[in-house]
Amino acid sequence: MFHFIGQVFNLLIARPIFNLLILILAIIPGHDFGVAIIIFTIIIRLAMYPLLKKQLHSAIAMRKLQPELKRIKKEAAGDRQKESQLMMALYKERGINPFSSFGIILVQLPILIALYAGISKMIKNPNAILSFSYSWTHHLPYMQSVYVNIHNFNRSFLGLVDLTKPALGHGYGIYWPAMVIVICSVVIQYIQSKQLMMTDKNARGIRQIFKDTASGKEVDQSEVQAATMRFTLFFIPGFLFLISISLAPALSLYWFTGGLVAYIQQSYILRKDVTEMEASVDKTPVTAEIIQTESENNSSKNKKNKTSKKHKNAKHRR
C-alpha cells in the first residue's frame, strides 16, 4: 500500500516538481543551481498568491470577529451546542472559512517533500538528474552536457555555497556558508509569522493560563489560542533550525526565498486590501435572535408547505 502511494506521489507530484526545477536550471544563463531554486520558489509562491490572499482575508476577518466571538461565548453561558451554532452562523454570514489557513500548508508540504526527495536523490547519486528527469529534457543542450560529463552539473550557489552539503556534518563540523542560509531561513520564518500575529499588551502567557486552569479558574478559549500562536512564533523557527542544519542547504534556500516572497506578498495584501478585508466583516452582529428568527421562518415555511399539501389532498379526494 505504502509502495503504491509512493509511486503515485512520485508520478503526480515529485517528478513534475523536480523536472520544473531541472528545466529552469537548464535554460537559465550560467546554470546555477541556487539561482534555479530561487526562480523555482518565486514561481511557486506567485502561483499560490490567490490562496495566500484568501488566507489573509480570513485571518483579518477572524481577528476583527474576536469581540463578537467573546460575546457569543458569554451569551451561550457554557452551552457548547448553542455556542457552536452561533459561531458557525457568524462565520457563514461573514463568508469566513476558519480552516482556510491550512490551505497554504497543504499546498506547500507536498512541494517541500518532493523537493527534498529530488535533492536527496541527486546527493546520493548525481546521475539521478538524468534518470529522474523526463526524456524530453535530455534534448536540452545543458542536459546533453551533463549526460556527457556528470561533473558539468553545478550544484553550488554563485560558486560560494555547496547546496548539497549540510550546515552541520560529521567530519567537518560547521559549514558556515550553509549555516548562514539556515539562519536566514529561520529569521524570515519568524518575521513572516510575526507579521500576522495579533498584539495585545494585556495578553497572558501560556504558563499563566495553565496555572489558572489548574487552579480551577475559567479561561477564555480565544485567549488560549492566542497564547498558543505566540508560543509557536518561537517554537516553529527553532524546530526549523534543528531540522535544517542536518539537511541540504538547498532546502533552506527554498525556505528562505519562499519566506521572503511571502513576506512581500503579505505586506502588499495587508496594505492594499485592508479596506476590502475589513468591509467584508463589518456587518450586523449575529445573535441568538437571528438564529431563532431563521428557525421560525423555516418552521413557518414547513407549516405552509404542510397546509398546501393538505389542501391539495382534499381537492384530490373531492
Protein backbone atom coordinates (compact mmCIF):
# COMPACT_ATOMS: atom_id res chain seq x y z
CA MET A 1 0.00 0.00 0.00
CA PHE A 2 2.74 2.47 1.01
CA HIS A 3 4.74 1.49 -2.06
CA PHE A 4 1.74 2.29 -4.26
CA ILE A 5 1.21 5.66 -2.53
CA GLY A 6 4.90 6.45 -3.04
CA GLN A 7 4.65 5.63 -6.73
CA VAL A 8 1.59 7.86 -7.14
CA PHE A 9 3.32 10.67 -5.24
CA ASN A 10 6.39 10.40 -7.48
CA LEU A 11 4.27 10.32 -10.62
CA LEU A 12 1.91 13.20 -9.82
CA ILE A 13 3.96 15.49 -7.56
CA ALA A 14 7.63 14.68 -7.00
CA ARG A 15 8.71 14.10 -10.60
CA PRO A 16 6.83 17.09 -12.13
CA ILE A 17 8.25 19.44 -9.46
CA PHE A 18 11.75 18.05 -9.89
CA ASN A 19 11.54 18.47 -13.67
CA LEU A 20 10.31 22.05 -13.34
CA LEU A 21 13.43 22.77 -11.30
CA ILE A 22 15.64 20.95 -13.81
CA LEU A 23 14.03 22.83 -16.71
CA ILE A 24 14.75 26.17 -15.03
CA LEU A 25 18.31 25.04 -14.32
CA ALA A 26 18.80 24.02 -17.95
CA ILE A 27 17.56 27.26 -19.55
CA ILE A 28 18.96 29.99 -17.26
CA PRO A 29 22.35 31.53 -18.14
CA GLY A 30 25.18 30.06 -16.07
CA HIS A 31 23.04 27.09 -14.97
CA ASP A 32 23.48 28.00 -11.30
CA PHE A 33 21.64 25.52 -9.05
CA GLY A 34 20.96 28.12 -6.35
CA VAL A 35 19.59 30.68 -8.82
CA ALA A 36 17.37 27.94 -10.29
CA ILE A 37 15.95 27.19 -6.81
CA ILE A 38 15.25 30.90 -6.23
CA ILE A 39 13.41 31.25 -9.57
CA PHE A 40 11.56 27.98 -8.92
CA THR A 41 10.45 29.22 -5.49
CA ILE A 42 9.26 32.57 -6.83
CA ILE A 43 7.15 30.79 -9.47
CA ILE A 44 5.59 28.55 -6.81
CA ARG A 45 4.84 31.49 -4.49
CA LEU A 46 3.28 33.54 -7.30
CA ALA A 47 1.08 30.57 -8.20
CA MET A 48 -0.07 30.38 -4.57
CA TYR A 49 -0.85 34.12 -4.36
CA PRO A 50 -4.67 33.72 -4.68
CA LEU A 51 -4.62 31.14 -1.90
CA LEU A 52 -2.47 33.40 0.28
CA LYS A 53 -4.80 36.35 -0.31
CA LYS A 54 -7.80 34.26 0.71
CA GLN A 55 -5.94 33.07 3.80
CA LEU A 56 -5.11 36.63 4.87
CA HIS A 57 -8.67 37.77 4.29
CA SER A 58 -9.87 35.06 6.65
CA ALA A 59 -7.10 35.86 9.18
CA ILE A 60 -8.04 39.55 9.28
CA ALA A 61 -11.72 38.68 9.47
CA MET A 62 -11.11 36.29 12.35
CA ARG A 63 -9.12 39.00 14.12
CA LYS A 64 -11.96 41.51 13.79
CA LEU A 65 -14.52 38.95 14.94
CA GLN A 66 -12.82 38.34 18.30
CA PRO A 67 -15.17 40.73 20.19
CA GLU A 68 -18.16 39.01 18.55
CA LEU A 69 -16.83 35.57 19.43
CA LYS A 70 -16.32 36.62 23.06
CA ARG A 71 -19.87 37.99 23.14
CA ILE A 72 -21.22 34.72 21.72
CA LYS A 73 -19.32 32.73 24.35
CA LYS A 74 -20.79 34.91 27.09
CA GLU A 75 -24.27 34.68 25.59
CA ALA A 76 -24.07 30.87 25.32
CA ALA A 77 -23.23 30.66 29.04
CA GLY A 78 -21.47 27.32 28.78
CA ASP A 79 -23.91 25.77 26.28
CA ARG A 80 -21.43 24.28 23.80
CA GLN A 81 -24.07 23.41 21.21
CA LYS A 82 -25.55 26.90 21.22
CA GLU A 83 -22.07 28.48 21.14
CA SER A 84 -21.06 26.35 18.16
CA GLN A 85 -24.32 27.15 16.37
CA LEU A 86 -23.89 30.89 16.87
CA MET A 87 -20.25 30.81 15.78
CA MET A 88 -21.00 28.86 12.60
CA ALA A 89 -23.85 31.25 11.80
CA LEU A 90 -21.48 34.18 12.27
CA TYR A 91 -18.84 32.61 10.01
CA LYS A 92 -21.49 31.85 7.39
CA GLU A 93 -22.90 35.37 7.39
CA ARG A 94 -19.47 36.99 7.07
CA GLY A 95 -18.28 34.48 4.48
CA ILE A 96 -15.38 33.21 6.59
CA ASN A 97 -13.81 29.77 6.47
CA PRO A 98 -11.98 29.23 9.80
CA PHE A 99 -9.93 26.41 8.27
CA SER A 100 -8.63 28.38 5.27
CA SER A 101 -5.24 28.92 6.95
CA PHE A 102 -4.44 25.24 6.35
CA GLY A 103 -4.62 25.74 2.58
CA ILE A 104 -1.09 27.11 2.22
CA ILE A 105 0.30 24.33 4.43
CA LEU A 106 -1.47 21.62 2.45
CA VAL A 107 -0.01 23.00 -0.79
CA GLN A 108 3.50 23.71 0.48
CA LEU A 109 4.09 20.45 2.33
CA PRO A 110 3.98 18.15 -0.75
CA ILE A 111 6.22 20.59 -2.65
CA LEU A 112 8.78 20.59 0.16
CA ILE A 113 8.69 16.78 0.42
CA ALA A 114 9.03 16.44 -3.36
CA LEU A 115 11.95 18.89 -3.42
CA TYR A 116 13.62 17.04 -0.56
CA ALA A 117 13.15 13.71 -2.35
CA GLY A 118 14.61 15.04 -5.60
CA ILE A 119 17.62 16.70 -3.97
CA SER A 120 18.27 13.61 -1.84
CA LYS A 121 18.39 11.50 -4.98
CA MET A 122 20.91 13.91 -6.52
CA ILE A 123 23.10 13.87 -3.39
CA LYS A 124 23.20 10.08 -3.19
CA ASN A 125 23.63 9.64 -6.93
CA PRO A 126 24.30 12.67 -9.20
CA ASN A 127 23.14 10.60 -12.19
CA ALA A 128 19.60 10.92 -10.79
CA ILE A 129 19.45 14.29 -12.53
CA LEU A 130 19.21 12.23 -15.73
CA SER A 131 17.30 9.18 -14.53
CA PHE A 132 14.58 11.14 -12.66
CA SER A 133 14.09 13.80 -15.34
CA TYR A 134 11.73 13.44 -18.30
CA SER A 135 13.24 12.13 -21.51
CA TRP A 136 12.34 15.26 -23.47
CA THR A 137 14.57 17.36 -21.18
CA HIS A 138 17.58 15.32 -22.31
CA HIS A 139 17.47 17.13 -25.66
CA LEU A 140 18.31 20.44 -23.98
CA PRO A 141 21.95 21.48 -24.56
CA TYR A 142 22.73 21.71 -20.83
CA MET A 143 21.30 18.25 -20.13
CA GLN A 144 23.31 16.81 -23.00
CA SER A 145 26.49 18.26 -21.49
CA VAL A 146 25.59 16.70 -18.13
CA TYR A 147 24.92 13.39 -19.87
CA VAL A 148 28.43 13.50 -21.36
CA ASN A 149 30.04 14.51 -18.06
CA ILE A 150 28.03 14.44 -14.82
CA HIS A 151 30.52 16.88 -13.24
CA ASN A 152 29.09 19.59 -15.50
CA PHE A 153 26.18 19.71 -13.06
CA ASN A 154 26.90 22.79 -10.95
CA ARG A 155 25.40 22.16 -7.51
CA SER A 156 26.59 25.41 -5.94
CA PHE A 157 25.02 28.82 -5.37
CA LEU A 158 27.03 31.61 -7.03
CA GLY A 159 30.08 29.39 -6.68
CA LEU A 160 30.13 30.11 -2.92
CA VAL A 161 27.85 27.51 -1.30
CA ASP A 162 27.67 23.78 -1.98
CA LEU A 163 23.91 23.27 -1.81
CA THR A 164 24.25 19.54 -1.14
CA LYS A 165 26.49 19.90 1.94
CA PRO A 166 24.61 20.26 5.28
CA ALA A 167 25.43 23.10 7.67
CA LEU A 168 26.44 20.60 10.34
CA GLY A 169 28.04 17.31 9.38
CA HIS A 170 30.28 14.57 10.66
CA GLY A 171 33.96 15.10 9.98
CA TYR A 172 33.89 18.79 9.10
CA GLY A 173 31.88 20.44 11.89
CA ILE A 174 30.06 23.60 10.85
CA TYR A 175 29.85 24.51 7.18
CA TRP A 176 29.34 28.26 7.63
CA PRO A 177 28.12 29.21 4.12
CA ALA A 178 25.24 26.75 4.57
CA MET A 179 24.74 27.82 8.20
CA VAL A 180 24.18 31.43 7.06
CA ILE A 181 21.40 30.29 4.71
CA VAL A 182 19.83 28.21 7.50
CA ILE A 183 19.87 31.16 9.93
CA CYS A 184 18.38 33.46 7.27
CA SER A 185 15.57 30.98 6.62
CA VAL A 186 14.79 30.79 10.34
CA VAL A 187 14.80 34.57 10.76
CA ILE A 188 12.48 35.17 7.79
CA GLN A 189 10.13 32.48 9.08
CA TYR A 190 9.91 34.33 12.42
CA ILE A 191 9.37 37.72 10.72
CA GLN A 192 6.73 36.33 8.36
CA SER A 193 4.78 34.75 11.25
CA LYS A 194 5.09 37.83 13.46
CA GLN A 195 3.68 39.97 10.65
CA LEU A 196 0.32 38.21 11.06
CA MET A 197 0.42 37.96 14.84
CA MET A 198 -2.22 39.80 16.85
CA THR A 199 -0.66 42.01 19.53
CA ASP A 200 -2.23 42.53 22.93
CA LYS A 201 -0.24 44.16 25.74
CA ASN A 202 -2.54 42.64 28.36
CA ALA A 203 -2.36 39.12 26.92
CA ARG A 204 -1.25 36.41 29.35
CA GLY A 205 1.42 33.84 28.62
CA ILE A 206 0.62 30.18 28.14
CA ARG A 207 2.21 29.27 31.51
CA GLN A 208 -0.08 31.69 33.37
CA ILE A 209 -3.10 30.30 31.53
CA PHE A 210 -2.13 26.74 32.53
CA LYS A 211 -1.74 27.86 36.15
CA ASP A 212 -5.20 29.47 36.12
CA THR A 213 -6.68 26.34 34.55
CA ALA A 214 -5.06 24.13 37.18
CA SER A 215 -6.46 26.34 39.96
CA GLY A 216 -9.97 25.98 38.56
CA LYS A 217 -10.34 29.43 37.01
CA GLU A 218 -12.31 29.78 33.79
CA VAL A 219 -10.12 30.52 30.78
CA ASP A 220 -11.27 32.08 27.51
CA GLN A 221 -10.64 29.70 24.59
CA SER A 222 -9.64 32.57 22.28
CA GLU A 223 -7.02 33.60 24.83
CA VAL A 224 -5.64 30.06 24.83
CA GLN A 225 -5.42 30.11 21.02
CA ALA A 226 -3.64 33.48 21.04
CA ALA A 227 -1.13 32.23 23.63
CA THR A 228 -0.53 29.08 21.58
CA MET A 229 0.16 31.16 18.48
CA ARG A 230 2.68 33.28 20.41
CA PHE A 231 4.37 30.09 21.56
CA THR A 232 4.59 28.69 18.01
CA LEU A 233 6.07 32.01 16.89
CA PHE A 234 9.31 30.92 18.57
CA PHE A 235 8.85 27.15 18.53
CA ILE A 236 8.47 26.68 14.76
CA PRO A 237 11.62 28.67 13.80
CA GLY A 238 13.57 26.81 16.48
CA PHE A 239 12.32 23.46 15.24
CA LEU A 240 13.08 24.50 11.68
CA PHE A 241 16.66 25.35 12.67
CA LEU A 242 17.24 21.96 14.32
CA ILE A 243 15.92 20.14 11.25
CA SER A 244 17.64 22.32 8.63
CA ILE A 245 21.21 22.09 9.96
CA SER A 246 21.32 18.40 9.04
CA LEU A 247 19.69 18.74 5.62
CA ALA A 248 20.99 20.01 2.28
CA PRO A 249 21.05 23.84 2.31
CA ALA A 250 19.18 23.78 -1.00
CA LEU A 251 16.03 23.22 1.10
CA SER A 252 16.90 26.14 3.39
CA LEU A 253 17.44 28.33 0.33
CA TYR A 254 13.96 27.33 -0.87
CA TRP A 255 12.52 28.05 2.58
CA PHE A 256 14.29 31.42 2.84
CA THR A 257 13.23 32.56 -0.64
CA GLY A 258 9.67 31.39 -0.06
CA GLY A 259 9.50 33.20 3.28
CA LEU A 260 10.90 36.41 1.80
CA VAL A 261 8.47 36.38 -1.13
CA ALA A 262 5.58 35.55 1.22
CA TYR A 263 6.53 38.48 3.47
CA ILE A 264 6.46 40.84 0.47
CA GLN A 265 3.14 39.41 -0.70
CA GLN A 266 1.63 39.70 2.79
CA SER A 267 2.82 43.30 3.10
CA TYR A 268 1.21 44.17 -0.23
CA ILE A 269 -2.08 42.44 0.60
CA LEU A 270 -2.30 43.93 4.09
CA ARG A 271 -1.53 47.43 2.77
CA LYS A 272 -3.68 47.45 -0.37
CA ASP A 273 -6.61 45.21 0.56
CA VAL A 274 -7.14 46.15 4.21
CA THR A 275 -10.28 48.18 3.39
CA GLU A 276 -11.77 45.31 1.40
CA MET A 277 -10.97 42.81 4.14
CA GLU A 278 -12.43 44.97 6.92
CA ALA A 279 -15.56 45.74 4.89
CA SER A 280 -16.19 42.02 4.47
CA VAL A 281 -16.61 41.58 8.22
CA ASP A 282 -18.14 44.93 9.24
CA LYS A 283 -21.73 43.72 9.18
CA THR A 284 -24.59 43.31 11.61
CA PRO A 285 -23.64 41.03 14.54
CA VAL A 286 -25.14 37.56 14.56
CA THR A 287 -27.17 36.91 17.70
CA ALA A 288 -29.33 34.19 19.09
CA GLU A 289 -32.39 36.18 17.94
CA ILE A 290 -31.17 35.87 14.33
CA ILE A 291 -30.79 32.11 14.74
CA GLN A 292 -34.22 31.92 16.35
CA THR A 293 -35.76 34.05 13.58
CA GLU A 294 -34.22 31.81 10.92
CA SER A 295 -35.57 28.71 12.62
CA GLU A 296 -39.03 30.34 12.98
CA ASN A 297 -39.00 31.25 9.29
CA ASN A 298 -38.05 27.70 8.40
CA SER A 299 -40.77 26.28 10.62
CA SER A 300 -43.39 28.65 9.15
CA LYS A 301 -42.33 27.61 5.67
CA ASN A 302 -42.74 23.97 6.69
CA LYS A 303 -46.22 24.71 8.08
CA LYS A 304 -47.24 26.45 4.86
CA ASN A 305 -45.97 23.52 2.85
CA LYS A 306 -47.92 21.08 5.03
CA THR A 307 -51.08 23.24 4.75
CA SER A 308 -50.77 23.43 0.95
CA LYS A 309 -50.31 19.67 0.79
CA LYS A 310 -53.48 19.17 2.88
CA HIS A 311 -55.49 21.41 0.53
CA LYS A 312 -54.17 19.53 -2.48
CA ASN A 313 -55.07 16.21 -0.89
CA ALA A 314 -58.55 17.49 -0.05
CA LYS A 315 -59.12 18.67 -3.64
CA HIS A 316 -57.91 15.34 -4.93
CA ARG A 317 -60.43 13.48 -2.70
CA ARG A 318 -63.28 15.62 -4.00
